[in-house]
Amino acid sequence: MQVSVVYTTQVKAALDLPGETIEVAAGSTASDLLKQLVEKHGSKFGELVFTSEGKLLPSLLMCVGDEQLASPADYPLQEGDALTLLSAISGG
């Protein structure tokens, strides 16, 4: 099934890519998708989404449509989902 991914902030800058459409296996979760994207884009992307222990960074926000995912690791993807990745930006 196909899902689209929109990259923002640091992720967009690191990949130099605003988004893409990805083919994922039926039954994939948002976390599965991120692991697939790490395989595709490498460790630079991986450092923006996962801790060194392989858990999702707590500063990473994930939305499907207009709704923020409360538990992205467990969210079951559906055909045509549009997932947005928002990495936190600090500053003052």
Protein backbone atom coordinates (compact mmCIF):
# COMPACT_ATOMS: atom_id res chain seq x y z
CA MET A 1 0.00 0.00 0.00
CA GLN A 2 1.13 3.56 -0.54
CA VAL A 3 1.42 6.33 2.04
CA SER A 4 2.82 9.80 1.64
CA VAL A 5 5.31 11.36 4.01
CA VAL A 6 5.71 15.12 4.43
CA TYR A 7 9.00 16.28 5.92
CA THR A 8 9.28 19.55 7.82
CA THR A 9 11.90 21.50 9.76
CA GLN A 10 15.16 19.64 10.43
CA VAL A 11 14.09 16.45 8.65
CA LYS A 12 13.27 18.36 5.47
CA ALA A 13 16.60 20.19 5.63
CA ALA A 14 18.59 17.01 6.31
CA LEU A 15 17.04 15.13 3.40
CA ASP A 16 16.70 18.15 1.12
CA LEU A 17 13.31 16.70 0.31
CA PRO A 18 9.84 18.07 1.10
CA GLY A 19 8.20 14.65 1.02
CA GLU A 20 7.71 11.42 -0.86
CA THR A 21 5.33 8.53 -1.46
CA ILE A 22 6.41 5.19 0.00
CA GLU A 23 5.21 1.65 -0.60
CA VAL A 24 4.74 -0.19 2.71
CA ALA A 25 3.53 -3.66 3.54
CA ALA A 26 -0.06 -4.13 4.65
CA GLY A 27 -0.26 -4.03 8.43
CA SER A 28 2.71 -1.65 8.79
CA THR A 29 2.78 0.83 11.65
CA ALA A 30 4.13 4.37 11.60
CA SER A 31 7.23 3.04 13.39
CA ASP A 32 7.70 0.39 10.67
CA LEU A 33 7.54 3.15 8.08
CA LEU A 34 10.23 5.15 9.90
CA LYS A 35 12.50 2.09 10.03
CA GLN A 36 11.99 1.64 6.29
CA LEU A 37 12.88 5.30 5.74
CA VAL A 38 16.07 4.89 7.79
CA GLU A 39 17.06 2.02 5.50
CA LYS A 40 16.40 4.25 2.48
CA HIS A 41 17.93 7.52 3.74
CA GLY A 42 20.60 6.29 6.15
CA SER A 43 21.82 7.17 9.61
CA LYS A 44 21.46 10.94 9.16
CA PHE A 45 17.69 10.46 8.98
CA GLY A 46 17.78 7.82 11.71
CA GLU A 47 19.39 10.21 14.18
CA LEU A 48 16.48 12.62 13.69
CA VAL A 49 13.78 10.06 14.51
CA PHE A 50 15.25 7.37 16.79
CA THR A 51 17.29 7.32 20.00
CA SER A 52 20.50 5.29 20.16
CA GLU A 53 18.36 2.54 21.78
CA GLY A 54 16.05 2.46 18.74
CA LYS A 55 13.07 4.16 20.36
CA LEU A 56 11.24 7.08 18.76
CA LEU A 57 12.63 10.42 19.86
CA PRO A 58 10.14 12.07 22.23
CA SER A 59 10.69 15.39 20.43
CA LEU A 60 9.44 13.96 17.12
CA LEU A 61 5.81 14.77 16.40
CA MET A 62 3.90 12.69 13.90
CA CYS A 63 0.56 13.58 12.39
CA VAL A 64 -1.78 11.77 10.04
CA GLY A 65 -3.93 14.29 8.31
CA ASP A 66 -4.68 16.96 10.91
CA GLU A 67 -4.36 14.68 13.95
CA GLN A 68 -1.23 14.26 16.06
CA LEU A 69 -0.52 10.61 16.85
CA ALA A 70 -0.54 9.93 20.58
CA SER A 71 1.25 6.61 20.11
CA PRO A 72 3.00 6.68 16.73
CA ALA A 73 4.81 3.39 17.22
CA ASP A 74 1.49 1.54 17.34
CA TYR A 75 -0.46 3.51 14.72
CA PRO A 76 -1.60 1.16 11.91
CA LEU A 77 -1.09 2.81 8.54
CA GLN A 78 -3.87 2.80 5.97
CA GLU A 79 -3.69 3.08 2.20
CA GLY A 80 -3.39 6.75 1.24
CA ASP A 81 -2.42 8.05 4.68
CA ALA A 82 -0.50 11.34 4.66
CA LEU A 83 2.03 11.28 7.51
CA THR A 84 3.78 14.51 8.54
CA LEU A 85 7.03 14.43 10.54
CA LEU A 86 7.74 17.46 12.72
CA SER A 87 11.02 17.60 14.62
CA ALA A 88 11.20 20.04 17.49
CA ILE A 89 13.19 23.21 17.03
CA SER A 90 14.71 24.94 20.02
CA GLY A 91 15.71 28.52 20.31
CA GLY A 92 14.73 31.65 22.01
